[in-house]
Amino acid sequence: MKKIFLLLSVVSLFIAGCGPSASEKKEIEQLNTEAAKLDSISEQIDQRKQEIEKSAEELENLVNEL
């Protein structure tokens, strides 16, 4: 997801350098907003995955103690 965000940023900078029209600016803003949302979602997924792995490890330790 971070690659998508980086790619969209580079593309938006290139388009901004060429003097985009108002409709292009609006589209760039929408793409940047979507990229930020996707990046946020990706980070949340990674956090949940780490929480699940930690819980599974704790469960395995408790089962081994029994």
PDB file of N, CA and C in Angstrom:
ATOM      1  N   MET A   1       0.812  -1.190   0.000  1.00  0.00           N
ATOM      2  CA  MET A   1       0.000   0.000   0.000  1.00  0.00           C
ATOM      3  C   MET A   1       0.861   1.263   0.000  1.00  0.00           C
ATOM      4  N   LYS A   2       2.009   1.162   0.660  1.00  0.00           N
ATOM      5  CA  LYS A   2       2.884   2.319   0.713  1.00  0.00           C
ATOM      6  C   LYS A   2       3.435   2.638  -0.671  1.00  0.00           C
ATOM      7  N   LYS A   3       3.629   1.602  -1.487  1.00  0.00           N
ATOM      8  CA  LYS A   3       4.109   1.822  -2.852  1.00  0.00           C
ATOM      9  C   LYS A   3       3.056   2.562  -3.663  1.00  0.00           C
ATOM     10  N   ILE A   4       1.800   2.221  -3.458  1.00  0.00           N
ATOM     11  CA  ILE A   4       0.715   2.897  -4.167  1.00  0.00           C
ATOM     12  C   ILE A   4       0.676   4.361  -3.759  1.00  0.00           C
ATOM     13  N   PHE A   5       0.819   4.625  -2.476  1.00  0.00           N
ATOM     14  CA  PHE A   5       0.808   5.998  -1.987  1.00  0.00           C
ATOM     15  C   PHE A   5       1.974   6.780  -2.579  1.00  0.00           C
ATOM     16  N   LEU A   6       3.146   6.163  -2.618  1.00  0.00           N
ATOM     17  CA  LEU A   6       4.320   6.813  -3.178  1.00  0.00           C
ATOM     18  C   LEU A   6       4.128   7.081  -4.663  1.00  0.00           C
ATOM     19  N   LEU A   7       3.607   6.107  -5.385  1.00  0.00           N
ATOM     20  CA  LEU A   7       3.365   6.264  -6.819  1.00  0.00           C
ATOM     21  C   LEU A   7       2.372   7.391  -7.078  1.00  0.00           C
ATOM     22  N   LEU A   8       1.287   7.427  -6.314  1.00  0.00           N
ATOM     23  CA  LEU A   8       0.301   8.489  -6.485  1.00  0.00           C
ATOM     24  C   LEU A   8       0.890   9.861  -6.162  1.00  0.00           C
ATOM     25  N   SER A   9       1.752   9.912  -5.175  1.00  0.00           N
ATOM     26  CA  SER A   9       2.397  11.176  -4.827  1.00  0.00           C
ATOM     27  C   SER A   9       3.299  11.656  -5.953  1.00  0.00           C
ATOM     28  N   VAL A  10       4.081  10.748  -6.519  1.00  0.00           N
ATOM     29  CA  VAL A  10       4.984  11.108  -7.613  1.00  0.00           C
ATOM     30  C   VAL A  10       4.179  11.565  -8.822  1.00  0.00           C
ATOM     31  N   VAL A  11       3.125  10.833  -9.145  1.00  0.00           N
ATOM     32  CA  VAL A  11       2.279  11.204 -10.275  1.00  0.00           C
ATOM     33  C   VAL A  11       1.629  12.559 -10.035  1.00  0.00           C
ATOM     34  N   SER A  12       1.154  12.792  -8.832  1.00  0.00           N
ATOM     35  CA  SER A  12       0.512  14.078  -8.544  1.00  0.00           C
ATOM     36  C   SER A  12       1.510  15.223  -8.625  1.00  0.00           C
ATOM     37  N   LEU A  13       2.752  15.007  -8.199  1.00  0.00           N
ATOM     38  CA  LEU A  13       3.790  16.041  -8.314  1.00  0.00           C
ATOM     39  C   LEU A  13       4.112  16.321  -9.777  1.00  0.00           C
ATOM     40  N   PHE A  14       4.180  15.278 -10.579  1.00  0.00           N
ATOM     41  CA  PHE A  14       4.454  15.454 -12.003  1.00  0.00           C
ATOM     42  C   PHE A  14       3.338  16.244 -12.672  1.00  0.00           C
ATOM     43  N   ILE A  15       2.115  15.888 -12.369  1.00  0.00           N
ATOM     44  CA  ILE A  15       0.970  16.586 -12.958  1.00  0.00           C
ATOM     45  C   ILE A  15       0.914  18.026 -12.464  1.00  0.00           C
ATOM     46  N   ALA A  16       1.224  18.240 -11.199  1.00  0.00           N
ATOM     47  CA  ALA A  16       1.211  19.597 -10.648  1.00  0.00           C
ATOM     48  C   ALA A  16       2.269  20.464 -11.328  1.00  0.00           C
ATOM     49  N   GLY A  17       3.390  19.881 -11.674  1.00  0.00           N
ATOM     50  CA  GLY A  17       4.446  20.623 -12.361  1.00  0.00           C
ATOM     51  C   GLY A  17       4.057  21.022 -13.769  1.00  0.00           C
ATOM     52  N   CYS A  18       3.146  20.297 -14.357  1.00  0.00           N
ATOM     53  CA  CYS A  18       2.705  20.597 -15.723  1.00  0.00           C
ATOM     54  C   CYS A  18       1.542  21.574 -15.740  1.00  0.00           C
ATOM     55  N   GLY A  19       1.101  22.030 -14.612  1.00  0.00           N
ATOM     56  CA  GLY A  19      -0.001  22.985 -14.555  1.00  0.00           C
ATOM     57  C   GLY A  19      -1.352  22.352 -14.843  1.00  0.00           C
ATOM     58  N   PRO A  20      -1.843  21.506 -13.961  1.00  0.00           N
ATOM     59  CA  PRO A  20      -3.109  20.812 -14.204  1.00  0.00           C
ATOM     60  C   PRO A  20      -4.307  21.772 -14.161  1.00  0.00           C
ATOM     61  N   SER A  21      -5.342  21.344 -14.805  1.00  0.00           N
ATOM     62  CA  SER A  21      -6.574  22.120 -14.775  1.00  0.00           C
ATOM     63  C   SER A  21      -7.288  21.878 -13.447  1.00  0.00           C
ATOM     64  N   ALA A  22      -8.381  22.584 -13.246  1.00  0.00           N
ATOM     65  CA  ALA A  22      -9.128  22.463 -11.989  1.00  0.00           C
ATOM     66  C   ALA A  22      -9.667  21.044 -11.800  1.00  0.00           C
ATOM     67  N   SER A  23     -10.134  20.417 -12.875  1.00  0.00           N
ATOM     68  CA  SER A  23     -10.665  19.057 -12.753  1.00  0.00           C
ATOM     69  C   SER A  23      -9.554  18.071 -12.400  1.00  0.00           C
ATOM     70  N   GLU A  24      -8.362  18.296 -12.947  1.00  0.00           N
ATOM     71  CA  GLU A  24      -7.242  17.418 -12.619  1.00  0.00           C
ATOM     72  C   GLU A  24      -6.820  17.604 -11.166  1.00  0.00           C
ATOM     73  N   LYS A  25      -6.842  18.835 -10.688  1.00  0.00           N
ATOM     74  CA  LYS A  25      -6.506  19.081  -9.288  1.00  0.00           C
ATOM     75  C   LYS A  25      -7.483  18.362  -8.366  1.00  0.00           C
ATOM     76  N   LYS A  26      -8.757  18.413  -8.731  1.00  0.00           N
ATOM     77  CA  LYS A  26      -9.774  17.752  -7.917  1.00  0.00           C
ATOM     78  C   LYS A  26      -9.542  16.242  -7.912  1.00  0.00           C
ATOM     79  N   GLU A  27      -9.219  15.688  -9.075  1.00  0.00           N
ATOM     80  CA  GLU A  27      -8.962  14.253  -9.174  1.00  0.00           C
ATOM     81  C   GLU A  27      -7.724  13.873  -8.359  1.00  0.00           C
ATOM     82  N   ILE A  28      -6.691  14.705  -8.387  1.00  0.00           N
ATOM     83  CA  ILE A  28      -5.476  14.445  -7.615  1.00  0.00           C
ATOM     84  C   ILE A  28      -5.791  14.452  -6.126  1.00  0.00           C
ATOM     85  N   GLU A  29      -6.586  15.411  -5.691  1.00  0.00           N
ATOM     86  CA  GLU A  29      -6.966  15.473  -4.278  1.00  0.00           C
ATOM     87  C   GLU A  29      -7.723  14.215  -3.864  1.00  0.00           C
ATOM     88  N   GLN A  30      -8.620  13.765  -4.738  1.00  0.00           N
ATOM     89  CA  GLN A  30      -9.379  12.552  -4.437  1.00  0.00           C
ATOM     90  C   GLN A  30      -8.457  11.342  -4.353  1.00  0.00           C
ATOM     91  N   LEU A  31      -7.503  11.246  -5.281  1.00  0.00           N
ATOM     92  CA  LEU A  31      -6.571  10.122  -5.269  1.00  0.00           C
ATOM     93  C   LEU A  31      -5.683  10.151  -4.029  1.00  0.00           C
ATOM     94  N   ASN A  32      -5.240  11.329  -3.644  1.00  0.00           N
ATOM     95  CA  ASN A  32      -4.423  11.445  -2.434  1.00  0.00           C
ATOM     96  C   ASN A  32      -5.223  11.078  -1.193  1.00  0.00           C
ATOM     97  N   THR A  33      -6.486  11.465  -1.156  1.00  0.00           N
ATOM     98  CA  THR A  33      -7.358  11.113  -0.033  1.00  0.00           C
ATOM     99  C   THR A  33      -7.549   9.602   0.036  1.00  0.00           C
ATOM    100  N   GLU A  34      -7.809   8.988  -1.118  1.00  0.00           N
ATOM    101  CA  GLU A  34      -7.981   7.537  -1.157  1.00  0.00           C
ATOM    102  C   GLU A  34      -6.694   6.829  -0.758  1.00  0.00           C
ATOM    103  N   ALA A  35      -5.554   7.342  -1.225  1.00  0.00           N
ATOM    104  CA  ALA A  35      -4.269   6.729  -0.878  1.00  0.00           C
ATOM    105  C   ALA A  35      -4.022   6.813   0.622  1.00  0.00           C
ATOM    106  N   ALA A  36      -4.365   7.942   1.218  1.00  0.00           N
ATOM    107  CA  ALA A  36      -4.183   8.094   2.664  1.00  0.00           C
ATOM    108  C   ALA A  36      -5.082   7.117   3.426  1.00  0.00           C
ATOM    109  N   LYS A  37      -6.315   6.945   2.950  1.00  0.00           N
ATOM    110  CA  LYS A  37      -7.225   5.994   3.591  1.00  0.00           C
ATOM    111  C   LYS A  37      -6.684   4.575   3.476  1.00  0.00           C
ATOM    112  N   LEU A  38      -6.200   4.216   2.276  1.00  0.00           N
ATOM    113  CA  LEU A  38      -5.662   2.872   2.071  1.00  0.00           C
ATOM    114  C   LEU A  38      -4.432   2.635   2.938  1.00  0.00           C
ATOM    115  N   ASP A  39      -3.603   3.638   3.073  1.00  0.00           N
ATOM    116  CA  ASP A  39      -2.419   3.518   3.918  1.00  0.00           C
ATOM    117  C   ASP A  39      -2.820   3.323   5.375  1.00  0.00           C
ATOM    118  N   SER A  40      -3.828   4.064   5.803  1.00  0.00           N
ATOM    119  CA  SER A  40      -4.326   3.939   7.173  1.00  0.00           C
ATOM    120  C   SER A  40      -4.899   2.546   7.414  1.00  0.00           C
ATOM    121  N   ILE A  41      -5.664   2.059   6.460  1.00  0.00           N
ATOM    122  CA  ILE A  41      -6.250   0.724   6.572  1.00  0.00           C
ATOM    123  C   ILE A  41      -5.152  -0.332   6.614  1.00  0.00           C
ATOM    124  N   SER A  42      -4.130  -0.158   5.785  1.00  0.00           N
ATOM    125  CA  SER A  42      -3.013  -1.095   5.756  1.00  0.00           C
ATOM    126  C   SER A  42      -2.308  -1.140   7.107  1.00  0.00           C
ATOM    127  N   GLU A  43      -2.100   0.009   7.714  1.00  0.00           N
ATOM    128  CA  GLU A  43      -1.463   0.061   9.024  1.00  0.00           C
ATOM    129  C   GLU A  43      -2.324  -0.625  10.080  1.00  0.00           C
ATOM    130  N   GLN A  44      -3.633  -0.434  10.014  1.00  0.00           N
ATOM    131  CA  GLN A  44      -4.533  -1.080  10.973  1.00  0.00           C
ATOM    132  C   GLN A  44      -4.487  -2.594  10.812  1.00  0.00           C
ATOM    133  N   ILE A  45      -4.445  -3.061   9.586  1.00  0.00           N
ATOM    134  CA  ILE A  45      -4.376  -4.501   9.332  1.00  0.00           C
ATOM    135  C   ILE A  45      -3.087  -5.066   9.905  1.00  0.00           C
ATOM    136  N   ASP A  46      -1.983  -4.356   9.688  1.00  0.00           N
ATOM    137  CA  ASP A  46      -0.704  -4.817  10.229  1.00  0.00           C
ATOM    138  C   ASP A  46      -0.738  -4.874  11.755  1.00  0.00           C
ATOM    139  N   GLN A  47      -1.345  -3.870  12.387  1.00  0.00           N
ATOM    140  CA  GLN A  47      -1.446  -3.862  13.847  1.00  0.00           C
ATOM    141  C   GLN A  47      -2.279  -5.036  14.345  1.00  0.00           C
ATOM    142  N   ARG A  48      -3.409  -5.281  13.690  1.00  0.00           N
ATOM    143  CA  ARG A  48      -4.272  -6.403  14.102  1.00  0.00           C
ATOM    144  C   ARG A  48      -3.554  -7.731  13.921  1.00  0.00           C
ATOM    145  N   LYS A  49      -2.794  -7.843  12.829  1.00  0.00           N
ATOM    146  CA  LYS A  49      -2.050  -9.074  12.578  1.00  0.00           C
ATOM    147  C   LYS A  49      -1.037  -9.310  13.692  1.00  0.00           C
ATOM    148  N   GLN A  50      -0.346  -8.270  14.116  1.00  0.00           N
ATOM    149  CA  GLN A  50       0.621  -8.399  15.201  1.00  0.00           C
ATOM    150  C   GLN A  50      -0.074  -8.771  16.505  1.00  0.00           C
ATOM    151  N   GLU A  51      -1.243  -8.194  16.763  1.00  0.00           N
ATOM    152  CA  GLU A  51      -1.994  -8.527  17.975  1.00  0.00           C
ATOM    153  C   GLU A  51      -2.410  -9.995  17.965  1.00  0.00           C
ATOM    154  N   ILE A  52      -2.847 -10.479  16.819  1.00  0.00           N
ATOM    155  CA  ILE A  52      -3.271 -11.877  16.696  1.00  0.00           C
ATOM    156  C   ILE A  52      -2.087 -12.801  16.921  1.00  0.00           C
ATOM    157  N   GLU A  53      -0.941 -12.469  16.312  1.00  0.00           N
ATOM    158  CA  GLU A  53       0.248 -13.299  16.483  1.00  0.00           C
ATOM    159  C   GLU A  53       0.686 -13.324  17.944  1.00  0.00           C
ATOM    160  N   LYS A  54       0.617 -12.173  18.617  1.00  0.00           N
ATOM    161  CA  LYS A  54       0.999 -12.110  20.026  1.00  0.00           C
ATOM    162  C   LYS A  54       0.038 -12.948  20.873  1.00  0.00           C
ATOM    163  N   SER A  55      -1.246 -12.850  20.600  1.00  0.00           N
ATOM    164  CA  SER A  55      -2.237 -13.627  21.346  1.00  0.00           C
ATOM    165  C   SER A  55      -2.047 -15.120  21.116  1.00  0.00           C
ATOM    166  N   ALA A  56      -1.768 -15.492  19.885  1.00  0.00           N
ATOM    167  CA  ALA A  56      -1.548 -16.907  19.572  1.00  0.00           C
ATOM    168  C   ALA A  56      -0.317 -17.423  20.305  1.00  0.00           C
ATOM    169  N   GLU A  57       0.711 -16.599  20.379  1.00  0.00           N
ATOM    170  CA  GLU A  57       1.922 -16.992  21.092  1.00  0.00           C
ATOM    171  C   GLU A  57       1.647 -17.153  22.584  1.00  0.00           C
ATOM    172  N   GLU A  58       0.886 -16.232  23.158  1.00  0.00           N
ATOM    173  CA  GLU A  58       0.527 -16.331  24.578  1.00  0.00           C
ATOM    174  C   GLU A  58      -0.311 -17.574  24.844  1.00  0.00           C
ATOM    175  N   LEU A  59      -1.246 -17.864  23.956  1.00  0.00           N
ATOM    176  CA  LEU A  59      -2.078 -19.052  24.095  1.00  0.00           C
ATOM    177  C   LEU A  59      -1.224 -20.311  24.035  1.00  0.00           C
ATOM    178  N   GLU A  60      -0.282 -20.331  23.107  1.00  0.00           N
ATOM    179  CA  GLU A  60       0.595 -21.495  22.989  1.00  0.00           C
ATOM    180  C   GLU A  60       1.419 -21.679  24.260  1.00  0.00           C
ATOM    181  N   ASN A  61       1.899 -20.579  24.835  1.00  0.00           N
ATOM    182  CA  ASN A  61       2.657 -20.678  26.085  1.00  0.00           C
ATOM    183  C   ASN A  61       1.790 -21.205  27.208  1.00  0.00           C
ATOM    184  N   LEU A  62       0.546 -20.767  27.307  1.00  0.00           N
ATOM    185  CA  LEU A  62      -0.355 -21.243  28.352  1.00  0.00           C
ATOM    186  C   LEU A  62      -0.674 -22.719  28.177  1.00  0.00           C
ATOM    187  N   VAL A  63      -0.874 -23.150  26.946  1.00  0.00           N
ATOM    188  CA  VAL A  63      -1.158 -24.559  26.690  1.00  0.00           C
ATOM    189  C   VAL A  63       0.055 -25.403  27.042  1.00  0.00           C
ATOM    190  N   ASN A  64       1.233 -24.925  26.734  1.00  0.00           N
ATOM    191  CA  ASN A  64       2.447 -25.660  27.058  1.00  0.00           C
ATOM    192  C   ASN A  64       2.650 -25.779  28.567  1.00  0.00           C
ATOM    193  N   GLU A  65       2.212 -24.781  29.317  1.00  0.00           N
ATOM    194  CA  GLU A  65       2.333 -24.830  30.779  1.00  0.00           C
ATOM    195  C   GLU A  65       1.431 -25.896  31.379  1.00  0.00           C
ATOM    196  N   LEU A  66       0.315 -26.145  30.717  1.00  0.00           N
ATOM    197  CA  LEU A  66      -0.599 -27.165  31.224  1.00  0.00           C
ATOM    198  C   LEU A  66       0.005 -28.533  31.017  1.00  0.00           C
TER     199      LEU A  66
END
